[in-house]
């Protein structure tokens, strides 16, 4: 099964490490809770040495996520590009604390972590359905603040051609002048513009370059984002 997922912009690598590293975690885990996406995806595999042939997702683990009200179990078997993920159909609640546990296939190890989903926010301008001409007079993108967000990522997805623009815009504030730069919009047409708020764990994973973030006994991350979008028609002036 192959599908487009708006937020799988940091696909988990099949991590390979060198033996001289001071610590080699035995497992690679990637789980980013995403509100409002209706299915959450978990990648799990072991960490490989340079001499090993890496696989693309390991079956047989048992994994759950829970908050103060509900528990959600993950099932193996969704392929996205070359990787196979565990999945669980639920929408994480904004502002909630979630706990994660994974029992490895041989029951030898238990991996745990906790993360907090950022608070809600709304894109104020432009409005959904607006037409915007790229250039210095284009409106700023403005959105409300979200509790728990460390940085916002703004990304454009072209609907006609099915691609995300190569560049992403990052903002520590609740404003972006992305619509003023033609490098983000190579062709005219309809775009979904996503504003994605990273929590601390996701920020550390994306920006620090460190392999080990917050999962006891594993490389990777258990993090959370809140994602909002508007659909715009982008006019590109003749060059």
Protein backbone atom coordinates (compact mmCIF):
# COMPACT_ATOMS: atom_id res chain seq x y z
CA UNK A 1 0.00 0.00 0.00
CA UNK A 2 1.49 3.32 -1.07
CA UNK A 3 0.02 6.68 -0.15
CA UNK A 4 0.81 10.34 0.33
CA UNK A 5 1.10 11.37 3.96
CA UNK A 6 1.49 15.11 4.56
CA UNK A 7 3.84 14.79 7.48
CA UNK A 8 6.11 11.89 6.61
CA UNK A 9 8.78 14.44 5.69
CA UNK A 10 11.34 12.85 8.00
CA UNK A 11 11.17 9.21 7.05
CA UNK A 12 13.08 7.08 9.53
CA UNK A 13 16.34 5.76 8.19
CA UNK A 14 17.37 2.15 8.60
CA UNK A 15 20.14 3.24 10.93
CA UNK A 16 23.62 1.81 10.48
CA UNK A 17 26.35 2.66 12.96
CA UNK A 18 30.10 2.22 13.31
CA UNK A 19 31.51 0.04 16.03
CA UNK A 20 33.70 2.83 17.46
CA UNK A 21 30.62 4.79 18.57
CA UNK A 22 30.58 5.04 22.40
CA UNK A 23 27.05 3.66 22.57
CA UNK A 24 25.17 1.63 19.98
CA UNK A 25 21.44 1.48 20.64
CA UNK A 26 20.02 -1.88 19.58
CA UNK A 27 16.78 -0.54 18.06
CA UNK A 28 15.48 2.22 15.79
CA UNK A 29 12.01 3.63 16.61
CA UNK A 30 10.15 6.51 14.93
CA UNK A 31 6.67 7.63 16.01
CA UNK A 32 5.41 11.18 15.49
CA UNK A 33 1.85 11.75 16.69
CA UNK A 34 0.09 14.10 14.28
CA UNK A 35 -3.12 16.02 14.92
CA UNK A 36 -5.39 16.01 12.84
CA UNK A 37 -4.20 12.97 10.84
CA UNK A 38 -6.55 10.02 11.51
CA UNK A 39 -3.93 7.24 11.48
CA UNK A 40 -0.62 7.20 13.34
CA UNK A 41 2.45 5.39 12.00
CA UNK A 42 5.26 3.67 13.91
CA UNK A 43 8.52 2.45 12.43
CA UNK A 44 10.49 -0.22 14.32
CA UNK A 45 13.65 -2.10 13.39
CA UNK A 46 16.98 -3.04 14.87
CA UNK A 47 20.12 -0.97 14.33
CA UNK A 48 22.52 -2.44 11.79
CA UNK A 49 26.32 -2.51 11.60
CA UNK A 50 28.01 -1.58 8.29
CA UNK A 51 28.53 -5.27 7.53
CA UNK A 52 24.84 -6.13 7.89
CA UNK A 53 22.19 -5.97 5.22
CA UNK A 54 19.55 -3.60 6.54
CA UNK A 55 15.86 -4.47 6.44
CA UNK A 56 12.96 -2.05 6.15
CA UNK A 57 10.81 -2.66 9.22
CA UNK A 58 10.67 -5.55 11.69
CA UNK A 59 7.46 -7.50 12.36
CA UNK A 60 6.55 -9.12 15.67
CA UNK A 61 6.74 -6.23 18.13
CA UNK A 62 3.82 -5.25 20.34
CA UNK A 63 3.27 -1.52 20.80
CA UNK A 64 0.74 0.75 22.47
CA UNK A 65 0.17 4.47 23.01
CA UNK A 66 -2.14 5.82 25.69
CA UNK A 67 -3.29 9.01 27.37
CA UNK A 68 -5.43 9.47 30.47
CA UNK A 69 -8.58 8.23 28.69
CA UNK A 70 -7.74 5.72 25.93
CA UNK A 71 -5.22 3.09 24.84
CA UNK A 72 -4.32 2.44 21.20
CA UNK A 73 -2.53 -0.65 19.89
CA UNK A 74 -0.40 -0.71 16.73
CA UNK A 75 -0.62 -3.32 13.95
CA UNK A 76 2.20 -4.16 11.51
CA UNK A 77 1.78 -4.05 7.77
CA UNK A 78 1.48 -0.66 6.02
CA UNK A 79 4.14 -0.06 3.37
CA UNK A 80 5.09 3.52 2.54
CA UNK A 81 7.75 3.74 -0.14
CA UNK A 82 10.35 1.13 0.87
CA UNK A 83 9.55 0.97 4.59
CA UNK A 84 6.92 -1.07 6.42
CA UNK A 85 5.18 0.57 9.37
CA UNK A 86 2.96 -0.34 12.27
CA UNK A 87 -0.25 1.72 12.31
CA UNK A 88 -3.08 2.66 14.65
CA UNK A 89 -6.27 4.54 13.61
CA UNK A 90 -6.72 7.44 16.03
CA UNK A 91 -6.35 11.20 16.15
CA UNK A 92 -4.18 12.40 19.05
CA UNK A 93 -5.78 15.12 21.14
CA UNK A 94 -4.16 18.55 21.25
CA UNK A 95 -2.54 19.39 24.57
CA UNK A 96 -2.57 15.79 25.83
CA UNK A 97 0.31 13.78 27.29
CA UNK A 98 0.85 10.40 25.62
CA UNK A 99 2.89 7.43 26.79
CA UNK A 100 4.49 4.82 24.53
CA UNK A 101 5.57 1.25 25.15
CA UNK A 102 6.99 -1.30 22.73
CA UNK A 103 7.86 -4.91 23.56
CA UNK A 104 10.42 -6.31 21.14
CA UNK A 105 9.60 -9.46 19.10
CA UNK A 106 11.62 -11.77 21.38
CA UNK A 107 10.22 -10.04 24.51
CA UNK A 108 13.80 -9.34 25.54
CA UNK A 109 13.41 -5.56 25.79
CA UNK A 110 10.75 -2.99 26.59
CA UNK A 111 11.08 0.49 25.11
CA UNK A 112 9.24 3.43 26.68
CA UNK A 113 8.82 7.17 26.18
CA UNK A 114 6.46 10.08 26.85
CA UNK A 115 5.59 13.11 24.73
CA UNK A 116 3.09 15.99 24.81
CA UNK A 117 1.00 17.04 21.80
CA UNK A 118 1.13 20.82 21.28
CA UNK A 119 -1.95 22.97 21.74
CA UNK A 120 -4.38 23.95 19.00
CA UNK A 121 -3.80 26.84 16.62
CA UNK A 122 -5.51 28.43 13.60
CA UNK A 123 -4.22 29.95 10.36
CA UNK A 124 -5.60 33.50 10.29
CA UNK A 125 -4.44 34.60 6.84
CA UNK A 126 -4.61 33.99 3.97
CA UNK A 127 -7.96 32.24 4.10
CA UNK A 128 -8.76 28.88 2.57
CA UNK A 129 -9.61 29.33 -1.13
CA UNK A 130 -7.80 32.65 -1.57
CA UNK A 131 -5.80 33.49 -4.70
CA UNK A 132 -2.34 34.85 -3.99
CA UNK A 133 0.21 36.25 -6.45
CA UNK A 134 3.77 35.51 -5.41
CA UNK A 135 5.87 38.63 -4.88
CA UNK A 136 6.74 41.39 -2.47
CA UNK A 137 3.08 42.43 -2.16
CA UNK A 138 1.84 38.94 -1.25
CA UNK A 139 0.24 38.73 2.20
CA UNK A 140 2.11 37.38 5.16
CA UNK A 141 0.97 34.02 6.50
CA UNK A 142 -0.25 34.54 10.07
CA UNK A 143 -1.49 32.00 12.61
CA UNK A 144 -2.30 31.88 16.29
CA UNK A 145 0.21 30.63 18.84
CA UNK A 146 0.26 27.00 20.01
CA UNK A 147 1.29 26.05 23.54
CA UNK A 148 4.20 23.64 23.49
CA UNK A 149 5.45 24.41 19.97
CA UNK A 150 9.17 25.12 19.72
CA UNK A 151 9.24 25.91 16.00
CA UNK A 152 6.81 25.96 13.07
CA UNK A 153 7.52 24.43 9.68
CA UNK A 154 5.70 25.86 6.65
CA UNK A 155 5.57 23.67 3.56
CA UNK A 156 3.79 23.84 0.19
CA UNK A 157 2.30 20.86 -1.66
CA UNK A 158 1.33 21.23 -5.32
CA UNK A 159 -1.95 19.44 -6.01
CA UNK A 160 -1.71 19.15 -9.80
CA UNK A 161 1.74 17.58 -9.92
CA UNK A 162 1.74 15.85 -6.54
CA UNK A 163 4.98 17.22 -5.11
CA UNK A 164 6.12 19.10 -2.07
CA UNK A 165 8.38 22.04 -2.78
CA UNK A 166 12.03 21.30 -2.13
CA UNK A 167 12.47 24.10 0.40
CA UNK A 168 10.65 24.39 3.72
CA UNK A 169 10.28 27.57 5.76
CA UNK A 170 10.91 27.49 9.52
CA UNK A 171 9.64 30.14 11.92
CA UNK A 172 9.94 30.53 15.67
CA UNK A 173 7.18 33.15 15.44
CA UNK A 174 3.57 32.93 14.20
CA UNK A 175 4.23 34.64 10.88
CA UNK A 176 5.86 33.70 7.57
CA UNK A 177 6.67 35.67 4.40
CA UNK A 178 6.98 32.46 2.37
CA UNK A 179 4.36 33.60 -0.17
CA UNK A 180 6.68 36.39 -1.30
CA UNK A 181 9.35 34.05 -2.67
CA UNK A 182 8.99 32.31 -6.01
CA UNK A 183 11.52 29.62 -5.07
CA UNK A 184 8.78 27.92 -3.04
CA UNK A 185 6.34 27.89 -5.97
CA UNK A 186 7.93 26.69 -9.23
CA UNK A 187 4.61 26.49 -11.11
CA UNK A 188 1.25 28.24 -10.91
CA UNK A 189 -1.69 26.32 -9.50
CA UNK A 190 -3.40 25.06 -6.38
CA UNK A 191 -1.23 24.40 -3.32
CA UNK A 192 -1.95 23.09 0.13
CA UNK A 193 0.12 25.21 2.52
CA UNK A 194 0.86 23.38 5.76
CA UNK A 195 1.88 25.01 9.03
CA UNK A 196 3.29 22.28 11.29
CA UNK A 197 4.07 22.95 14.95
CA UNK A 198 6.89 20.80 16.41
CA UNK A 199 6.92 19.86 20.07
CA UNK A 200 10.24 19.69 21.94
CA UNK A 201 10.93 16.04 21.13
CA UNK A 202 10.23 16.50 17.41
CA UNK A 203 12.30 19.67 17.35
CA UNK A 204 15.28 17.94 18.96
CA UNK A 205 15.03 15.05 16.50
CA UNK A 206 14.75 17.25 13.41
CA UNK A 207 17.23 19.96 14.33
CA UNK A 208 19.89 18.49 16.63
CA UNK A 209 21.28 15.76 14.40
CA UNK A 210 21.30 13.40 17.38
CA UNK A 211 20.14 9.81 16.84
CA UNK A 212 18.96 9.25 20.43
CA UNK A 213 16.25 11.62 21.68
CA UNK A 214 13.77 10.37 24.29
CA UNK A 215 13.17 6.62 23.90
CA UNK A 216 14.88 4.52 26.55
CA UNK A 217 17.00 1.90 24.76
CA UNK A 218 16.52 3.05 21.16
CA UNK A 219 17.62 5.50 18.53
CA UNK A 220 14.86 7.64 17.05
CA UNK A 221 12.06 9.62 18.65
CA UNK A 222 8.57 9.61 20.08
CA UNK A 223 7.33 13.12 19.32
CA UNK A 224 4.24 15.09 18.33
CA UNK A 225 3.12 17.81 15.96
CA UNK A 226 -0.02 19.79 15.23
CA UNK A 227 -0.63 20.47 11.55
CA UNK A 228 -2.98 23.00 9.95
CA UNK A 229 -3.39 23.89 6.27
CA UNK A 230 -5.04 26.24 3.79
CA UNK A 231 -5.59 25.61 0.09
CA UNK A 232 -4.55 28.54 -2.10
CA UNK A 233 -4.36 29.26 -5.80
CA UNK A 234 -0.85 30.57 -6.33
CA UNK A 235 -0.23 32.87 -9.28
CA UNK A 236 3.38 33.01 -10.45
CA UNK A 237 4.39 36.21 -12.33
CA UNK A 238 6.18 35.77 -15.65
CA UNK A 239 9.93 35.81 -15.22
